[in-house]
Amino acid sequence: MVYSVVTILRVKNFSQTTACVGIAPHGLDLAHFIIGMILPGTGVILIAIAGPLYLVWPPSVGLGLSNSGALQIPTAGIVQQSRQLARGAQEFLFPPQQLF
């Protein structure tokens, strides 16, 4: 995780806030592990602070990826293929009735 946060710091598509929100929960989680062995109550407080930050970090990374163009999805081809599949399924399930 630390490597991904360092990479985010180097790439210009992500904001510094995204990197800070990534560093903070991981640092607090590490501090929770180390301090929690000595003072368990303090460790619980640290992880309680880190928890909400873990919820903020993935959406901010996703936003940075979508702004960079890394998440481009070719929707036109998918829509056309799904329409063809729907027509084929309809013909299979409800074949046209032949009149005598």
N, C-alpha and C. Protein backbone atom coordinates (compact mmCIF):
# COMPACT_ATOMS: atom_id res chain seq x y z
N MET A 1 0.82 -1.19 0.00
CA MET A 1 0.00 0.00 0.00
C MET A 1 0.86 1.26 0.00
N VAL A 2 1.97 1.19 0.71
CA VAL A 2 2.84 2.36 0.76
C VAL A 2 3.37 2.67 -0.64
N TYR A 3 3.69 1.63 -1.40
CA TYR A 3 4.20 1.84 -2.76
C TYR A 3 3.15 2.54 -3.63
N SER A 4 1.89 2.15 -3.50
CA SER A 4 0.86 2.78 -4.31
C SER A 4 0.67 4.25 -3.93
N VAL A 5 0.81 4.57 -2.64
CA VAL A 5 0.69 5.96 -2.22
C VAL A 5 1.86 6.78 -2.73
N VAL A 6 3.07 6.21 -2.72
CA VAL A 6 4.25 6.91 -3.25
C VAL A 6 4.08 7.14 -4.75
N THR A 7 3.52 6.16 -5.44
CA THR A 7 3.26 6.32 -6.88
C THR A 7 2.25 7.43 -7.12
N ILE A 8 1.23 7.50 -6.29
CA ILE A 8 0.23 8.57 -6.42
C ILE A 8 0.88 9.93 -6.23
N LEU A 9 1.85 10.02 -5.35
CA LEU A 9 2.55 11.30 -5.15
C LEU A 9 3.32 11.73 -6.40
N ARG A 10 3.82 10.76 -7.16
CA ARG A 10 4.63 11.09 -8.34
C ARG A 10 3.80 11.38 -9.58
N VAL A 11 2.60 10.85 -9.65
CA VAL A 11 1.77 11.03 -10.84
C VAL A 11 0.99 12.33 -10.70
N LYS A 12 0.94 13.08 -11.78
CA LYS A 12 0.31 14.41 -11.73
C LYS A 12 -1.22 14.36 -11.82
N ASN A 13 -1.79 13.21 -12.17
CA ASN A 13 -3.25 13.11 -12.30
C ASN A 13 -3.96 13.08 -10.96
N PHE A 14 -3.23 12.75 -9.90
CA PHE A 14 -3.82 12.67 -8.58
C PHE A 14 -3.47 13.90 -7.77
N SER A 15 -4.37 14.30 -6.90
CA SER A 15 -4.11 15.47 -6.07
C SER A 15 -3.28 15.07 -4.86
N GLN A 16 -2.68 16.06 -4.24
CA GLN A 16 -1.91 15.82 -3.02
C GLN A 16 -2.84 15.35 -1.89
N THR A 17 -4.08 15.77 -1.93
CA THR A 17 -5.04 15.34 -0.93
C THR A 17 -5.26 13.83 -1.00
N THR A 18 -5.31 13.29 -2.20
CA THR A 18 -5.47 11.85 -2.36
C THR A 18 -4.30 11.11 -1.72
N ALA A 19 -3.10 11.61 -1.93
CA ALA A 19 -1.93 10.97 -1.34
C ALA A 19 -1.96 11.08 0.18
N CYS A 20 -2.33 12.24 0.70
CA CYS A 20 -2.39 12.43 2.16
C CYS A 20 -3.46 11.55 2.79
N VAL A 21 -4.59 11.43 2.11
CA VAL A 21 -5.66 10.57 2.62
C VAL A 21 -5.23 9.11 2.54
N GLY A 22 -4.33 8.77 1.65
CA GLY A 22 -3.80 7.41 1.59
C GLY A 22 -2.74 7.15 2.65
N ILE A 23 -1.90 8.14 2.91
CA ILE A 23 -0.82 7.98 3.89
C ILE A 23 -1.39 7.95 5.32
N ALA A 24 -2.36 8.79 5.59
CA ALA A 24 -2.87 8.91 6.96
C ALA A 24 -3.45 7.61 7.51
N PRO A 25 -4.36 6.93 6.83
CA PRO A 25 -4.90 5.71 7.45
C PRO A 25 -3.88 4.59 7.56
N HIS A 26 -2.98 4.50 6.58
CA HIS A 26 -1.97 3.45 6.66
C HIS A 26 -0.97 3.73 7.78
N GLY A 27 -0.62 5.00 7.95
CA GLY A 27 0.26 5.36 9.07
C GLY A 27 -0.40 5.14 10.41
N LEU A 28 -1.67 5.51 10.51
CA LEU A 28 -2.40 5.29 11.76
C LEU A 28 -2.58 3.80 12.04
N ASP A 29 -2.76 3.02 11.00
CA ASP A 29 -2.90 1.58 11.18
C ASP A 29 -1.59 0.97 11.68
N LEU A 30 -0.49 1.43 11.13
CA LEU A 30 0.82 0.96 11.61
C LEU A 30 1.05 1.38 13.06
N ALA A 31 0.71 2.63 13.37
CA ALA A 31 0.85 3.11 14.75
C ALA A 31 -0.08 2.33 15.68
N HIS A 32 -1.26 1.98 15.22
CA HIS A 32 -2.20 1.17 16.00
C HIS A 32 -1.56 -0.17 16.36
N PHE A 33 -0.88 -0.77 15.39
CA PHE A 33 -0.26 -2.07 15.62
C PHE A 33 0.87 -1.96 16.64
N ILE A 34 1.71 -0.94 16.49
CA ILE A 34 2.87 -0.80 17.38
C ILE A 34 2.45 -0.32 18.76
N ILE A 35 1.67 0.74 18.82
CA ILE A 35 1.27 1.31 20.11
C ILE A 35 0.24 0.43 20.79
N GLY A 36 -0.56 -0.28 20.01
CA GLY A 36 -1.59 -1.14 20.58
C GLY A 36 -1.05 -2.27 21.43
N MET A 37 0.19 -2.68 21.17
CA MET A 37 0.79 -3.73 22.00
C MET A 37 1.12 -3.21 23.40
N ILE A 38 1.43 -1.92 23.49
CA ILE A 38 1.80 -1.34 24.78
C ILE A 38 0.59 -0.73 25.47
N LEU A 39 -0.15 0.08 24.73
CA LEU A 39 -1.34 0.75 25.27
C LEU A 39 -2.55 0.38 24.41
N PRO A 40 -3.26 -0.69 24.75
CA PRO A 40 -4.36 -1.15 23.89
C PRO A 40 -5.45 -0.10 23.67
N GLY A 41 -5.75 0.70 24.66
CA GLY A 41 -6.80 1.72 24.50
C GLY A 41 -6.44 2.76 23.46
N THR A 42 -5.19 3.15 23.43
CA THR A 42 -4.72 4.14 22.45
C THR A 42 -4.77 3.56 21.04
N GLY A 43 -4.44 2.27 20.93
CA GLY A 43 -4.50 1.61 19.62
C GLY A 43 -5.90 1.61 19.05
N VAL A 44 -6.89 1.43 19.92
CA VAL A 44 -8.29 1.44 19.47
C VAL A 44 -8.67 2.83 18.97
N ILE A 45 -8.21 3.85 19.64
CA ILE A 45 -8.51 5.23 19.22
C ILE A 45 -7.89 5.51 17.85
N LEU A 46 -6.65 5.05 17.66
CA LEU A 46 -5.98 5.29 16.38
C LEU A 46 -6.71 4.60 15.23
N ILE A 47 -7.13 3.37 15.44
CA ILE A 47 -7.82 2.67 14.36
C ILE A 47 -9.21 3.26 14.13
N ALA A 48 -9.81 3.83 15.16
CA ALA A 48 -11.11 4.49 15.00
C ALA A 48 -10.97 5.75 14.15
N ILE A 49 -9.83 6.41 14.25
CA ILE A 49 -9.58 7.58 13.41
C ILE A 49 -9.26 7.15 11.98
N ALA A 50 -8.51 6.05 11.83
CA ALA A 50 -8.09 5.59 10.50
C ALA A 50 -9.26 5.00 9.70
N GLY A 51 -10.24 4.42 10.39
CA GLY A 51 -11.34 3.74 9.71
C GLY A 51 -12.07 4.59 8.69
N PRO A 52 -12.55 5.78 9.07
CA PRO A 52 -13.25 6.61 8.08
C PRO A 52 -12.34 7.05 6.92
N LEU A 53 -11.05 7.20 7.18
CA LEU A 53 -10.14 7.59 6.11
C LEU A 53 -9.98 6.47 5.09
N TYR A 54 -10.08 5.21 5.55
CA TYR A 54 -10.04 4.10 4.61
C TYR A 54 -11.23 4.13 3.67
N LEU A 55 -12.34 4.70 4.11
CA LEU A 55 -13.53 4.79 3.25
C LEU A 55 -13.41 5.92 2.22
N VAL A 56 -12.59 6.91 2.51
CA VAL A 56 -12.44 8.06 1.62
C VAL A 56 -11.40 7.79 0.54
N TRP A 57 -10.39 6.99 0.86
CA TRP A 57 -9.25 6.83 -0.05
C TRP A 57 -9.61 6.14 -1.37
N PRO A 58 -10.29 4.99 -1.40
CA PRO A 58 -10.57 4.35 -2.70
C PRO A 58 -11.39 5.20 -3.67
N PRO A 59 -12.44 5.90 -3.21
CA PRO A 59 -13.14 6.75 -4.18
C PRO A 59 -12.27 7.89 -4.73
N SER A 60 -11.39 8.43 -3.90
CA SER A 60 -10.52 9.50 -4.40
C SER A 60 -9.51 8.96 -5.40
N VAL A 61 -9.04 7.73 -5.21
CA VAL A 61 -8.15 7.11 -6.21
C VAL A 61 -8.93 6.85 -7.49
N GLY A 62 -10.16 6.37 -7.37
CA GLY A 62 -10.98 6.14 -8.55
C GLY A 62 -11.26 7.41 -9.32
N LEU A 63 -11.49 8.50 -8.60
CA LEU A 63 -11.72 9.79 -9.25
C LEU A 63 -10.47 10.23 -10.01
N GLY A 64 -9.30 10.04 -9.40
CA GLY A 64 -8.06 10.38 -10.09
C GLY A 64 -7.83 9.53 -11.32
N LEU A 65 -8.18 8.24 -11.24
CA LEU A 65 -8.03 7.37 -12.41
C LEU A 65 -8.99 7.76 -13.52
N SER A 66 -10.21 8.11 -13.15
CA SER A 66 -11.17 8.50 -14.19
C SER A 66 -10.79 9.83 -14.82
N ASN A 67 -10.21 10.73 -14.05
CA ASN A 67 -9.75 12.00 -14.62
C ASN A 67 -8.56 11.81 -15.55
N SER A 68 -7.75 10.77 -15.29
CA SER A 68 -6.58 10.55 -16.12
C SER A 68 -6.93 9.84 -17.42
N GLY A 69 -8.14 9.29 -17.51
CA GLY A 69 -8.53 8.57 -18.71
C GLY A 69 -8.16 7.11 -18.66
N ALA A 70 -7.70 6.62 -17.52
CA ALA A 70 -7.29 5.23 -17.41
C ALA A 70 -8.48 4.28 -17.32
N LEU A 71 -9.66 4.81 -17.04
CA LEU A 71 -10.85 3.98 -16.90
C LEU A 71 -11.83 4.17 -18.05
N GLN A 72 -11.32 4.28 -19.26
CA GLN A 72 -12.21 4.45 -20.41
C GLN A 72 -12.82 3.11 -20.78
N ILE A 73 -14.13 3.07 -20.87
CA ILE A 73 -14.83 1.84 -21.18
C ILE A 73 -15.53 2.01 -22.53
N PRO A 74 -15.29 1.11 -23.47
CA PRO A 74 -15.94 1.22 -24.77
C PRO A 74 -17.40 0.79 -24.69
N THR A 75 -18.28 1.71 -24.43
CA THR A 75 -19.68 1.35 -24.20
C THR A 75 -20.46 1.11 -25.48
N ALA A 76 -20.09 1.72 -26.58
CA ALA A 76 -20.88 1.59 -27.80
C ALA A 76 -20.92 0.15 -28.27
N GLY A 77 -19.81 -0.53 -28.29
CA GLY A 77 -19.77 -1.93 -28.71
C GLY A 77 -20.52 -2.83 -27.76
N ILE A 78 -20.45 -2.54 -26.48
CA ILE A 78 -21.14 -3.36 -25.48
C ILE A 78 -22.64 -3.23 -25.64
N VAL A 79 -23.12 -2.03 -25.89
CA VAL A 79 -24.56 -1.82 -26.06
C VAL A 79 -25.05 -2.57 -27.29
N GLN A 80 -24.32 -2.49 -28.39
CA GLN A 80 -24.72 -3.17 -29.61
C GLN A 80 -24.72 -4.68 -29.41
N GLN A 81 -23.73 -5.22 -28.74
CA GLN A 81 -23.67 -6.66 -28.49
C GLN A 81 -24.81 -7.10 -27.58
N SER A 82 -25.14 -6.31 -26.58
CA SER A 82 -26.22 -6.69 -25.68
C SER A 82 -27.57 -6.68 -26.41
N ARG A 83 -27.74 -5.77 -27.35
CA ARG A 83 -28.99 -5.74 -28.14
C ARG A 83 -29.10 -6.98 -29.02
N GLN A 84 -27.97 -7.38 -29.62
CA GLN A 84 -27.98 -8.57 -30.45
C GLN A 84 -28.28 -9.82 -29.62
N LEU A 85 -27.69 -9.89 -28.43
CA LEU A 85 -27.96 -11.02 -27.54
C LEU A 85 -29.42 -11.05 -27.11
N ALA A 86 -29.99 -9.89 -26.85
CA ALA A 86 -31.39 -9.83 -26.44
C ALA A 86 -32.30 -10.29 -27.57
N ARG A 87 -31.98 -9.88 -28.82
CA ARG A 87 -32.79 -10.33 -29.95
C ARG A 87 -32.69 -11.84 -30.13
N GLY A 88 -31.48 -12.36 -29.99
CA GLY A 88 -31.29 -13.81 -30.13
C GLY A 88 -32.02 -14.58 -29.04
N ALA A 89 -31.98 -14.09 -27.82
CA ALA A 89 -32.68 -14.75 -26.72
C ALA A 89 -34.18 -14.68 -26.92
N GLN A 90 -34.67 -13.57 -27.43
CA GLN A 90 -36.10 -13.42 -27.67
C GLN A 90 -36.57 -14.40 -28.75
N GLU A 91 -35.79 -14.54 -29.81
CA GLU A 91 -36.16 -15.48 -30.86
C GLU A 91 -36.09 -16.92 -30.38
N PHE A 92 -35.14 -17.21 -29.49
CA PHE A 92 -35.02 -18.56 -28.96
C PHE A 92 -36.19 -18.89 -28.02
N LEU A 93 -36.51 -17.97 -27.14
CA LEU A 93 -37.57 -18.21 -26.16
C LEU A 93 -38.95 -18.13 -26.77
N PHE A 94 -39.12 -17.22 -27.70
CA PHE A 94 -40.42 -17.01 -28.32
C PHE A 94 -40.26 -17.09 -29.85
N PRO A 95 -40.16 -18.31 -30.38
CA PRO A 95 -39.96 -18.41 -31.83
C PRO A 95 -41.20 -17.89 -32.58
N PRO A 96 -40.96 -17.31 -33.75
CA PRO A 96 -42.11 -16.81 -34.52
C PRO A 96 -43.01 -17.98 -34.94
N GLN A 97 -44.29 -17.80 -34.74
CA GLN A 97 -45.23 -18.87 -35.07
C GLN A 97 -45.53 -18.84 -36.56
N GLN A 98 -45.54 -20.03 -37.11
CA GLN A 98 -45.81 -20.13 -38.53
C GLN A 98 -47.32 -20.40 -38.72
N LEU A 99 -47.88 -19.63 -39.60
CA LEU A 99 -49.31 -19.81 -39.90
C LEU A 99 -49.43 -20.76 -41.07
N PHE A 100 -50.47 -21.60 -41.05
CA PHE A 100 -50.69 -22.57 -42.12
C PHE A 100 -51.18 -21.90 -43.34
